[in-house]
Amino acid sequence: MQFDYVILGGGSAGAVLAARLSEDASVTVCLVEAGGGGNDIFIRAPAMVAAMISGRPKINNWALKTVPQPGLNGRRGFQPRGRALGGSSAINAMLYVRGHRADYDEWADLGAEGWDWASVAQWFLRFERNQRGADAWHGDAGPLQVADQNAPRKISRAFIEACGKLQIPDNADFNGAVQEGAGLYQVTQFFDGPRKGERCSAAAAYLLPYLGRANLTVLTRTMAEKVLVEDGRAVGALVRRRGRQMRLETRREVIVSGGAFGSPQLLMLSGIGPEAELRAHGIKVVKDLPGVGQNLQDHLDYILSYRSLRPDVLGLNPRGLARLAKAGLRWRKDGTGMFASPFAEGGAFIRSRPDLARPDLQLHFVVGIVDEHMRKLHLADGYSCHVCILRPESRGSVGLSDARAGSPPRIDMGFLTAPGDLAALKTGARITEAIMEADPMTPWRGARFYPHDGSDAALEADIRARADTVYHPVGTCRMGRDAMAVVDPALRLHGIDGLRVVDASIMPRVLGGNTNAPTIMIAERAAAMIRG
């Protein structure tokens, strides 16, 4: 089978690319996705994130694990990643956050010319259809619906009030002129039309309405095994579908969009990556590219959870499940209520030190108990608050477990290998604790899970015992022009023609915020570059 473009990976970036490139009826596009169609009830219903995120069972989730992390007491971290059209936008909390403007200027300073804020801002406005309408910071004519939450819990507003007690200002728009402050997150959710109240994943926004295009072939439940390279040019890919290997050939480009873990893994399986890593697994070296799999970054996250004295939160007990079932009926009727909630309703961007130019900590306030990524369940009504460090100094890597495409990659997050990360996270934990203990939270505040004596040693011990990802891995195929860069600022692979990487792996540094909206922006820009 031959196409103009073969896209390997149907996540947030791949879905956008397939839709945008196939708008040109003169070209043919093939999208390969290992997961399903991205339109089942678990994905459409926002509340079902609680069922998918744990990976028990693996519903639309790769449910990856890291190697033991010395900084986390030797624990193996958990890395849920979406396995369906739409990728992680199909299983995330739907939070729409772009990051700080200075983050993009920093990318440009690191060699990613043309990715400064002035250059990328227009792309966010183009793809956004914001419920609030168009203004200097938002668009209203794009495919991605961005909504205000239609029924936030009273406790989420109490959280914002509690932040105010610590002089954290109210902020009604984290994507506006100022990021710092506390408020309710906007979400990628349909706010009108027949899908009102449903998740607006990248696939739902861009791809699913156009699956009937004659020039677009979408192969779901199909595993990409290898990029084929001949005479220094990508000419196609080997994929496995229904137990049979297929060869997909391309007339123009192969585009790898497997994410921060999948993209470097696929490149290495194809003989592109650090020579020593390839030879260790018996893989013929096609291109020695030492930066593949390096520069892994993520937001390390620590959670404080409490029992709730009031029942207007999520509780996995008979009373709470009955409320949730009732909410499900309401959601099916009008798309509103708790079933439409992202659960991570409130949040804040704050600074650990007043001398910092931008926030370095992010809070996610959740109207339920979160423990070990929902893999450790509690029957009580409760609530939680995450705090993560936005600009970690620690770096990790992605390698191969073996030479088989179906095996999980070897993931080493390198959490807390840089001493400054622990100091920032401890400061964030103490700020978060003060917010949770402020007067506005009193009507809900019950016993705290995992209490400790408040000493510095006890806090450090609790962080090392429980902290883990908040699901924002990036950087493993970073763009730039130095020897460790994998792609250039046009996202073309160094040393191989006809091959690009388009996803969060190309970020030189992790942004100060959630990474889904920036990934969609990357794919929009890449599609425009490819189309010329």
Protein backbone atom coordinates (compact mmCIF):
# COMPACT_ATOMS: atom_id res chain seq x y z
CA MET A 1 0.00 0.00 0.00
CA GLN A 2 1.35 3.38 -0.97
CA PHE A 3 0.46 6.84 0.34
CA ASP A 4 1.86 10.34 0.21
CA TYR A 5 2.07 10.52 4.02
CA VAL A 6 2.28 7.73 6.56
CA ILE A 7 1.67 8.88 10.15
CA LEU A 8 2.70 6.46 12.89
CA GLY A 9 0.67 7.18 16.00
CA GLY A 10 -2.90 8.48 16.21
CA GLY A 11 -2.64 10.44 19.45
CA SER A 12 -3.20 14.18 19.86
CA ALA A 13 -0.55 15.09 17.29
CA GLY A 14 -1.26 12.26 14.86
CA ALA A 15 -4.99 12.95 14.80
CA VAL A 16 -4.40 16.62 14.01
CA LEU A 17 -1.87 15.81 11.29
CA ALA A 18 -4.10 13.24 9.59
CA ALA A 19 -7.02 15.63 9.53
CA ARG A 20 -5.08 18.66 8.35
CA LEU A 21 -3.01 16.89 5.69
CA SER A 22 -6.05 15.09 4.25
CA GLU A 23 -7.81 18.44 3.74
CA ASP A 24 -5.79 18.50 0.51
CA ALA A 25 -7.73 16.11 -1.72
CA SER A 26 -4.72 15.73 -4.05
CA VAL A 27 -2.72 13.74 -1.46
CA THR A 28 -3.29 10.44 0.32
CA VAL A 29 -2.77 9.97 4.04
CA CYS A 30 -2.49 6.83 6.15
CA LEU A 31 -2.77 7.04 9.95
CA VAL A 32 -1.63 4.06 12.04
CA GLU A 33 -2.86 3.68 15.64
CA ALA A 34 -2.21 0.75 17.98
CA GLY A 35 -5.37 1.39 20.00
CA GLY A 36 -9.05 1.63 19.23
CA GLY A 37 -11.33 4.14 17.57
CA GLY A 38 -11.38 6.73 20.34
CA ASN A 39 -15.16 7.08 20.55
CA ASP A 40 -16.32 4.67 23.25
CA ILE A 41 -18.31 5.73 26.31
CA PHE A 42 -15.24 5.64 28.56
CA ILE A 43 -13.71 8.37 26.42
CA ARG A 44 -16.85 10.39 25.72
CA ALA A 45 -17.97 10.63 29.35
CA PRO A 46 -15.56 12.92 31.26
CA ALA A 47 -16.16 11.17 34.61
CA MET A 48 -14.92 7.88 33.19
CA VAL A 49 -11.36 9.17 33.39
CA ALA A 50 -11.48 7.66 36.89
CA ALA A 51 -11.92 4.22 35.33
CA MET A 52 -9.26 4.63 32.64
CA ILE A 53 -6.37 6.35 34.41
CA SER A 54 -5.47 3.47 36.74
CA GLY A 55 -4.81 0.97 33.97
CA ARG A 56 -6.67 -1.65 36.01
CA PRO A 57 -7.93 -2.93 33.65
CA LYS A 58 -6.12 -1.36 30.69
CA ILE A 59 -8.95 0.61 29.13
CA ASN A 60 -7.55 2.85 26.35
CA ASN A 61 -4.31 3.01 28.35
CA TRP A 62 -0.78 1.73 27.74
CA ALA A 63 -0.30 1.78 31.54
CA LEU A 64 3.50 1.92 31.34
CA LYS A 65 5.90 1.56 34.24
CA THR A 66 9.30 3.05 34.84
CA VAL A 67 12.46 1.38 36.06
CA PRO A 68 12.98 1.69 39.84
CA GLN A 69 13.57 5.31 40.80
CA PRO A 70 16.29 5.79 43.44
CA GLY A 71 14.90 9.23 44.29
CA LEU A 72 11.52 7.66 45.06
CA ASN A 73 12.76 4.93 47.40
CA GLY A 74 13.32 2.55 44.50
CA ARG A 75 9.66 2.56 43.50
CA ARG A 76 8.66 1.91 39.90
CA GLY A 77 6.67 4.89 38.68
CA PHE A 78 3.44 4.62 36.70
CA GLN A 79 2.96 6.34 33.34
CA PRO A 80 -0.58 6.13 31.93
CA ARG A 81 -0.68 7.06 28.24
CA GLY A 82 -3.65 7.01 25.91
CA ARG A 83 -4.06 4.05 23.58
CA ALA A 84 -6.78 5.08 21.13
CA LEU A 85 -7.35 7.69 18.46
CA GLY A 86 -6.76 10.94 20.31
CA GLY A 87 -4.04 9.41 22.49
CA SER A 88 -3.73 10.90 25.94
CA SER A 89 -6.33 13.56 25.10
CA ALA A 90 -8.76 10.62 25.25
CA ILE A 91 -7.94 9.73 28.87
CA ASN A 92 -6.72 12.97 30.48
CA ALA A 93 -8.56 15.42 32.74
CA MET A 94 -9.28 17.65 29.71
CA LEU A 95 -7.54 20.68 31.22
CA TYR A 96 -6.77 23.35 28.64
CA VAL A 97 -3.49 25.06 29.55
CA ARG A 98 -0.93 26.54 27.16
CA GLY A 99 1.95 27.19 29.53
CA HIS A 100 3.73 30.45 30.23
CA ARG A 101 4.66 32.72 27.33
CA ALA A 102 8.29 32.79 28.49
CA ASP A 103 8.49 29.01 28.09
CA TYR A 104 8.28 29.33 24.32
CA ASP A 105 10.81 32.16 24.23
CA GLU A 106 13.10 29.81 26.13
CA TRP A 107 12.61 27.15 23.45
CA ALA A 108 13.82 29.64 20.84
CA ASP A 109 16.83 30.53 22.97
CA LEU A 110 17.71 26.82 23.07
CA GLY A 111 17.88 26.59 19.27
CA ALA A 112 14.23 26.09 18.29
CA GLU A 113 14.03 29.10 16.04
CA GLY A 114 10.52 30.18 15.20
CA TRP A 115 8.96 28.62 18.31
CA ASP A 116 8.98 31.75 20.47
CA TRP A 117 5.66 32.96 21.88
CA ALA A 118 5.15 35.62 19.21
CA SER A 119 5.41 32.89 16.57
CA VAL A 120 3.20 30.24 18.19
CA ALA A 121 0.45 32.36 19.77
CA GLN A 122 -1.52 32.68 16.53
CA TRP A 123 -1.76 28.89 16.25
CA PHE A 124 -3.49 28.54 19.59
CA LEU A 125 -6.05 31.12 18.50
CA ARG A 126 -6.59 29.35 15.18
CA PHE A 127 -7.45 25.92 16.53
CA GLU A 128 -9.47 27.05 19.55
CA ARG A 129 -13.22 27.48 19.68
CA ASN A 130 -13.59 29.03 23.09
CA GLN A 131 -16.97 29.23 24.78
CA ARG A 132 -16.11 32.76 25.92
CA GLY A 133 -15.68 33.94 22.33
CA ALA A 134 -12.78 35.58 20.55
CA ASP A 135 -10.51 38.20 22.06
CA ALA A 136 -6.81 38.99 22.16
CA TRP A 137 -6.09 35.68 23.92
CA HIS A 138 -8.65 33.29 22.44
CA GLY A 139 -10.18 32.13 19.19
CA ASP A 140 -13.75 31.07 18.45
CA ALA A 141 -13.56 29.49 14.99
CA GLY A 142 -11.28 26.45 15.41
CA PRO A 143 -12.14 22.76 15.70
CA LEU A 144 -11.18 22.27 19.37
CA GLN A 145 -14.00 23.24 21.72
CA VAL A 146 -12.76 24.81 24.95
CA ALA A 147 -15.41 25.22 27.63
CA ASP A 148 -15.97 26.64 31.05
CA GLN A 149 -16.95 23.91 33.49
CA ASN A 150 -20.73 23.73 33.58
CA ALA A 151 -21.22 22.50 37.16
CA PRO A 152 -18.14 22.92 39.40
CA ARG A 153 -18.50 21.75 42.99
CA LYS A 154 -18.86 24.31 45.78
CA ILE A 155 -15.66 22.94 47.31
CA SER A 156 -13.72 23.96 44.19
CA ARG A 157 -14.77 27.55 44.72
CA ALA A 158 -13.85 27.20 48.39
CA PHE A 159 -10.38 26.11 47.25
CA ILE A 160 -10.01 29.35 45.28
CA GLU A 161 -11.15 31.33 48.31
CA ALA A 162 -8.63 29.44 50.46
CA CYS A 163 -5.86 30.38 48.01
CA GLY A 164 -6.87 34.00 48.50
CA LYS A 165 -6.22 33.66 52.22
CA LEU A 166 -2.57 33.09 51.25
CA GLN A 167 -2.56 36.17 48.99
CA ILE A 168 -2.79 34.05 45.84
CA PRO A 169 -4.92 36.22 43.55
CA ASP A 170 -8.01 35.05 41.69
CA ASN A 171 -7.39 34.25 38.05
CA ALA A 172 -10.33 33.54 35.76
CA ASP A 173 -8.12 32.68 32.79
CA PHE A 174 -4.81 30.82 33.08
CA ASN A 175 -4.36 31.34 29.32
CA GLY A 176 -4.86 35.10 29.43
CA ALA A 177 -2.54 38.00 30.09
CA VAL A 178 -1.33 36.55 33.42
CA GLN A 179 -0.85 32.89 34.34
CA GLU A 180 -0.29 33.31 38.08
CA GLY A 181 -3.20 32.91 40.48
CA ALA A 182 -6.02 30.52 41.41
CA GLY A 183 -9.18 29.66 39.50
CA LEU A 184 -11.20 27.06 37.67
CA TYR A 185 -9.62 25.36 34.67
CA GLN A 186 -11.16 25.57 31.23
CA VAL A 187 -11.57 22.16 29.64
CA THR A 188 -11.52 20.55 26.19
CA GLN A 189 -15.21 19.68 26.23
CA PHE A 190 -18.09 20.15 23.81
CA PHE A 191 -20.23 23.04 25.01
CA ASP A 192 -22.88 22.93 22.30
CA GLY A 193 -24.24 20.66 19.59
CA PRO A 194 -25.27 17.01 19.90
CA ARG A 195 -22.14 16.11 21.88
CA LYS A 196 -22.61 18.78 24.56
CA GLY A 197 -20.90 17.75 27.79
CA GLU A 198 -18.72 15.09 26.12
CA ARG A 199 -14.92 15.09 26.05
CA CYS A 200 -13.54 16.96 23.07
CA SER A 201 -10.39 14.93 22.45
CA ALA A 202 -8.08 15.77 19.59
CA ALA A 203 -9.65 12.91 17.63
CA ALA A 204 -13.21 14.07 18.36
CA ALA A 205 -12.35 17.63 17.35
CA TYR A 206 -10.26 16.97 14.26
CA LEU A 207 -10.46 13.44 12.98
CA LEU A 208 -13.67 11.54 13.72
CA PRO A 209 -15.93 13.83 11.67
CA TYR A 210 -13.78 13.22 8.58
CA LEU A 211 -13.12 9.48 8.59
CA GLY A 212 -15.09 9.21 5.35
CA ARG A 213 -12.60 11.18 3.29
CA ALA A 214 -11.60 9.15 0.25
CA ASN A 215 -7.94 10.14 0.61
CA LEU A 216 -7.68 9.18 4.31
CA THR A 217 -6.98 5.66 5.54
CA VAL A 218 -7.07 5.07 9.31
CA LEU A 219 -5.73 1.76 10.58
CA THR A 220 -6.65 1.20 14.23
CA ARG A 221 -5.41 -1.71 16.35
CA THR A 222 -2.32 -1.69 14.16
CA MET A 223 1.18 -1.66 15.65
CA ALA A 224 3.97 0.31 14.00
CA GLU A 225 7.07 -1.89 14.06
CA LYS A 226 9.71 -0.09 12.03
CA VAL A 227 10.41 2.93 9.85
CA LEU A 228 11.94 1.78 6.57
CA VAL A 229 14.98 3.75 5.44
CA GLU A 230 16.74 3.33 2.09
CA ASP A 231 19.76 5.36 0.98
CA GLY A 232 19.26 7.87 3.77
CA ARG A 233 15.55 8.43 3.14
CA ALA A 234 12.43 7.15 4.88
CA VAL A 235 10.41 5.21 2.32
CA GLY A 236 7.70 3.66 4.45
CA ALA A 237 6.98 1.56 7.51
CA LEU A 238 6.35 -1.99 8.60
CA VAL A 239 3.21 -2.41 10.70
CA ARG A 240 1.41 -5.40 12.18
CA ARG A 241 -2.36 -5.71 11.81
CA ARG A 242 -4.46 -8.70 12.82
CA GLY A 243 -1.35 -10.78 13.22
CA ARG A 244 0.03 -10.02 9.78
CA GLN A 245 2.90 -7.72 8.87
CA MET A 246 2.15 -5.05 6.26
CA ARG A 247 4.43 -2.72 4.34
CA LEU A 248 3.22 0.85 3.94
CA GLU A 249 5.14 2.89 1.40
CA THR A 250 5.28 6.67 1.18
CA ARG A 251 5.83 9.01 -1.73
CA ARG A 252 6.60 11.99 0.48
CA GLU A 253 7.11 11.54 4.23
CA VAL A 254 6.88 9.27 7.21
CA ILE A 255 5.80 11.13 10.36
CA VAL A 256 6.42 9.57 13.78
CA SER A 257 3.87 10.68 16.39
CA GLY A 258 4.17 8.12 19.15
CA GLY A 259 4.70 10.52 22.05
CA ALA A 260 7.55 11.00 24.48
CA PHE A 261 7.90 7.24 25.02
CA GLY A 262 6.67 5.73 21.76
CA SER A 263 8.53 7.94 19.30
CA PRO A 264 12.07 7.32 20.57
CA GLN A 265 11.27 3.63 20.96
CA LEU A 266 10.11 3.34 17.35
CA LEU A 267 13.11 5.26 16.05
CA MET A 268 15.48 2.96 17.93
CA LEU A 269 13.65 -0.14 16.69
CA SER A 270 14.25 1.30 13.22
CA GLY A 271 17.99 1.62 13.79
CA ILE A 272 17.94 5.35 14.55
CA GLY A 273 19.36 6.34 17.91
CA PRO A 274 22.41 5.96 20.17
CA GLU A 275 24.72 3.40 18.58
CA ALA A 276 25.52 1.64 21.86
CA GLU A 277 21.82 1.21 22.70
CA LEU A 278 21.04 -0.22 19.27
CA ARG A 279 23.95 -2.66 19.24
CA ALA A 280 23.08 -3.85 22.75
CA HIS A 281 19.80 -5.16 21.32
CA GLY A 282 21.20 -6.50 18.06
CA ILE A 283 19.67 -3.74 15.93
CA LYS A 284 21.49 -2.64 12.78
CA VAL A 285 22.54 1.00 13.04
CA VAL A 286 20.90 3.06 10.31
CA LYS A 287 21.74 6.42 11.86
CA ASP A 288 23.74 7.03 15.02
CA LEU A 289 21.70 9.80 16.64
CA PRO A 290 22.73 10.06 20.30
CA GLY A 291 19.91 12.36 21.43
CA VAL A 292 17.11 9.88 20.69
CA GLY A 293 15.55 8.94 24.03
CA GLN A 294 17.54 11.46 26.05
CA ASN A 295 16.35 14.70 27.72
CA LEU A 296 13.23 13.09 29.25
CA GLN A 297 11.43 15.55 31.53
CA ASP A 298 8.20 15.39 33.48
CA HIS A 299 6.33 17.23 36.24
CA LEU A 300 6.89 15.39 39.50
CA ASP A 301 3.74 15.59 41.61
CA TYR A 302 2.83 15.24 45.29
CA ILE A 303 -0.74 14.82 46.56
CA LEU A 304 -2.50 15.78 49.79
CA SER A 305 -5.84 14.00 50.32
CA TYR A 306 -8.55 14.42 52.94
CA ARG A 307 -11.80 12.81 53.96
CA SER A 308 -14.76 15.09 53.35
CA LEU A 309 -17.35 15.95 55.98
CA ARG A 310 -19.78 16.84 53.19
CA PRO A 311 -21.04 14.42 50.53
CA ASP A 312 -20.92 16.82 47.56
CA VAL A 313 -17.69 15.25 46.26
CA LEU A 314 -16.78 11.97 44.61
CA GLY A 315 -17.00 8.98 46.96
CA LEU A 316 -16.56 5.33 46.00
CA ASN A 317 -19.06 4.13 48.59
CA PRO A 318 -22.71 3.03 48.12
CA ARG A 319 -24.03 6.54 48.71
CA GLY A 320 -21.42 8.15 46.48
CA LEU A 321 -21.86 5.63 43.67
CA ALA A 322 -25.63 6.17 43.77
CA ARG A 323 -25.05 9.91 43.40
CA LEU A 324 -22.68 9.26 40.50
CA ALA A 325 -25.20 6.99 38.77
CA LYS A 326 -27.84 9.69 39.09
CA ALA A 327 -25.34 12.19 37.70
CA GLY A 328 -24.77 9.87 34.75
CA LEU A 329 -28.46 9.99 33.86
CA ARG A 330 -28.40 13.76 34.03
CA TRP A 331 -25.31 13.88 31.82
CA ARG A 332 -26.95 11.71 29.19
CA LYS A 333 -29.96 14.04 29.23
CA ASP A 334 -28.32 17.46 29.05
CA GLY A 335 -24.52 17.03 29.25
CA THR A 336 -24.19 18.68 32.66
CA GLY A 337 -23.51 17.74 36.27
CA MET A 338 -20.82 15.75 38.03
CA PHE A 339 -20.51 13.25 35.17
CA ALA A 340 -19.35 16.17 33.02
CA SER A 341 -16.72 17.18 35.56
CA PRO A 342 -12.99 16.69 34.93
CA PHE A 343 -12.77 16.16 38.73
CA ALA A 344 -9.61 18.32 38.65
CA GLU A 345 -11.81 21.40 38.72
CA GLY A 346 -9.73 24.08 40.42
CA GLY A 347 -6.07 24.96 40.26
CA ALA A 348 -3.39 27.53 40.75
CA PHE A 349 -0.05 28.66 39.39
CA ILE A 350 2.23 29.96 42.10
CA ARG A 351 5.87 30.77 42.81
CA SER A 352 7.96 28.94 45.38
CA ARG A 353 10.07 32.11 45.81
CA PRO A 354 9.05 35.74 45.32
CA ASP A 355 12.14 36.50 43.22
CA LEU A 356 11.06 34.14 40.42
CA ALA A 357 9.85 35.75 37.19
CA ARG A 358 7.09 33.16 36.58
CA PRO A 359 5.26 30.45 38.49
CA ASP A 360 7.24 27.28 39.10
CA LEU A 361 4.49 25.32 40.86
CA GLN A 362 1.07 24.17 39.66
CA LEU A 363 -1.83 22.94 41.77
CA HIS A 364 -4.68 20.67 40.65
CA PHE A 365 -7.61 20.53 43.07
CA VAL A 366 -9.60 17.29 42.68
CA VAL A 367 -13.09 16.63 44.05
CA GLY A 368 -12.18 13.06 45.00
CA ILE A 369 -9.48 11.04 46.70
CA VAL A 370 -6.51 10.37 44.43
CA ASP A 371 -4.08 7.73 45.65
CA GLU A 372 -1.53 5.97 43.43
CA HIS A 373 -3.23 7.12 40.23
CA MET A 374 -6.62 5.72 41.36
CA ARG A 375 -5.02 2.31 41.79
CA LYS A 376 -5.47 2.45 45.55
CA LEU A 377 -9.16 3.05 46.24
CA HIS A 378 -10.79 4.48 49.35
CA LEU A 379 -14.51 4.20 50.13
CA ALA A 380 -14.72 7.56 51.88
CA ASP A 381 -15.97 10.81 50.41
CA GLY A 382 -12.95 13.01 49.95
CA TYR A 383 -10.88 15.49 48.00
CA SER A 384 -7.25 15.99 47.01
CA CYS A 385 -4.81 18.63 45.89
CA HIS A 386 -1.83 17.95 43.65
CA VAL A 387 1.25 20.15 43.58
CA CYS A 388 3.90 19.70 40.90
CA ILE A 389 7.16 21.39 40.00
CA LEU A 390 6.89 23.02 36.57
CA ARG A 391 10.56 23.36 35.60
CA PRO A 392 12.40 20.33 36.94
CA GLU A 393 16.15 20.16 36.63
CA SER A 394 16.14 16.35 36.72
CA ARG A 395 16.47 14.50 33.43
CA GLY A 396 15.70 10.92 32.48
CA SER A 397 15.83 8.75 29.38
CA VAL A 398 13.93 6.24 27.27
CA GLY A 399 15.59 3.10 25.95
CA LEU A 400 14.64 -0.36 24.72
CA SER A 401 13.63 -3.32 26.81
CA ASP A 402 14.34 -5.55 23.82
CA ALA A 403 14.12 -5.44 20.03
CA ARG A 404 10.38 -6.26 19.81
CA ALA A 405 7.87 -3.57 18.87
CA GLY A 406 5.23 -4.93 21.22
CA SER A 407 7.42 -4.67 24.32
CA PRO A 408 7.18 -1.61 26.56
CA PRO A 409 10.07 0.86 26.38
CA ARG A 410 12.57 1.17 29.21
CA ILE A 411 11.64 4.38 31.00
CA ASP A 412 13.90 6.06 33.53
CA MET A 413 12.32 9.33 34.70
CA GLY A 414 15.35 10.34 36.76
CA PHE A 415 13.04 11.89 39.35
CA LEU A 416 14.79 13.92 42.08
CA THR A 417 18.25 13.36 40.62
CA ALA A 418 18.68 17.17 40.77
CA PRO A 419 18.64 18.41 44.39
CA GLY A 420 16.78 21.62 43.56
CA ASP A 421 13.67 19.69 42.55
CA LEU A 422 13.15 18.30 46.03
CA ALA A 423 13.53 21.72 47.61
CA ALA A 424 10.94 23.27 45.27
CA LEU A 425 8.51 20.40 45.79
CA LYS A 426 8.80 20.63 49.56
CA THR A 427 8.01 24.35 49.40
CA GLY A 428 5.03 23.61 47.18
CA ALA A 429 3.81 20.93 49.57
CA ARG A 430 3.89 23.35 52.51
CA ILE A 431 2.01 26.02 50.55
CA THR A 432 -0.59 23.45 49.50
CA GLU A 433 -0.98 22.25 53.06
CA ALA A 434 -1.61 25.83 54.20
CA ILE A 435 -4.30 26.23 51.55
CA MET A 436 -5.98 23.00 52.61
CA GLU A 437 -5.93 24.11 56.24
CA ALA A 438 -7.35 27.59 55.52
CA ASP A 439 -10.78 28.53 56.88
CA PRO A 440 -12.78 28.24 53.62
CA MET A 441 -12.02 24.50 53.55
CA THR A 442 -13.22 23.91 57.12
CA PRO A 443 -16.78 22.76 56.26
CA TRP A 444 -15.36 19.87 54.23
CA ARG A 445 -12.11 19.10 56.01
CA GLY A 446 -11.99 15.68 57.65
CA ALA A 447 -9.02 13.52 58.53
CA ARG A 448 -5.96 13.76 56.33
CA PHE A 449 -4.59 10.69 54.60
CA TYR A 450 -0.89 10.02 55.22
CA PRO A 451 -0.42 12.56 58.04
CA HIS A 452 3.10 13.20 59.37
CA ASP A 453 4.66 15.28 62.11
CA GLY A 454 5.35 18.26 59.85
CA SER A 455 9.13 18.13 60.13
CA ASP A 456 11.33 18.62 57.11
CA ALA A 457 12.54 15.02 57.35
CA ALA A 458 9.00 13.65 57.56
CA LEU A 459 7.87 15.68 54.55
CA GLU A 460 10.85 14.53 52.50
CA ALA A 461 10.14 10.93 53.47
CA ASP A 462 6.50 11.25 52.41
CA ILE A 463 7.46 12.80 49.07
CA ARG A 464 9.92 10.01 48.34
CA ALA A 465 7.30 7.44 49.38
CA ARG A 466 4.37 8.77 47.32
CA ALA A 467 5.30 11.37 44.68
CA ASP A 468 5.04 10.45 40.99
CA THR A 469 4.16 11.88 37.59
CA VAL A 470 1.27 14.19 36.82
CA TYR A 471 1.38 12.87 33.23
CA HIS A 472 3.44 15.41 31.24
CA PRO A 473 6.48 13.55 29.80
CA VAL A 474 8.29 15.39 26.99
CA GLY A 475 11.63 16.02 25.37
CA THR A 476 12.98 12.68 24.12
CA CYS A 477 13.32 13.73 20.46
CA ARG A 478 14.03 17.38 21.11
CA MET A 479 14.35 19.98 18.41
CA GLY A 480 17.44 22.06 18.00
CA ARG A 481 20.69 22.22 16.03
CA ASP A 482 23.30 20.89 18.44
CA ALA A 483 24.75 17.38 18.52
CA MET A 484 22.09 16.03 20.91
CA ALA A 485 19.12 17.43 18.98
CA VAL A 486 16.99 14.88 17.11
CA VAL A 487 14.93 17.13 14.83
CA ASP A 488 15.44 20.60 13.41
CA PRO A 489 12.96 23.46 14.02
CA ALA A 490 10.90 22.17 11.07
CA LEU A 491 10.73 18.84 12.96
CA ARG A 492 12.73 17.02 10.27
CA LEU A 493 14.94 14.26 11.60
CA HIS A 494 18.64 15.10 11.48
CA GLY A 495 20.36 12.90 8.93
CA ILE A 496 17.32 11.13 7.43
CA ASP A 497 15.29 12.68 4.62
CA GLY A 498 11.52 12.30 4.45
CA LEU A 499 11.16 11.66 8.19
CA ARG A 500 9.73 13.92 10.88
CA VAL A 501 8.78 13.61 14.51
CA VAL A 502 5.68 15.54 15.57
CA ASP A 503 4.50 15.26 19.19
CA ALA A 504 5.49 16.31 22.72
CA SER A 505 8.83 14.53 22.41
CA ILE A 506 10.22 17.42 20.36
CA MET A 507 9.89 19.96 23.19
CA PRO A 508 13.34 21.19 24.26
CA ARG A 509 12.02 21.77 27.79
CA VAL A 510 8.79 20.91 29.52
CA LEU A 511 6.35 23.79 29.65
CA GLY A 512 4.94 25.42 32.75
CA GLY A 513 1.57 23.72 32.56
CA ASN A 514 -0.37 20.82 31.08
CA THR A 515 1.02 19.61 27.77
CA ASN A 516 -1.97 18.61 25.63
CA ALA A 517 -2.84 22.02 24.18
CA PRO A 518 0.83 22.70 23.28
CA THR A 519 1.02 19.30 21.57
CA ILE A 520 -1.98 20.20 19.40
CA MET A 521 -0.30 23.50 18.57
CA ILE A 522 2.86 21.65 17.53
CA ALA A 523 0.88 19.42 15.20
CA GLU A 524 -1.00 22.36 13.66
CA ARG A 525 2.27 24.13 12.90
CA ALA A 526 3.85 20.95 11.57
CA ALA A 527 0.92 20.34 9.21
CA ALA A 528 1.32 23.84 7.83
CA MET A 529 5.07 23.31 7.39
CA ILE A 530 4.52 20.01 5.58
CA ARG A 531 1.89 21.49 3.29
CA GLY A 532 4.26 24.36 2.53
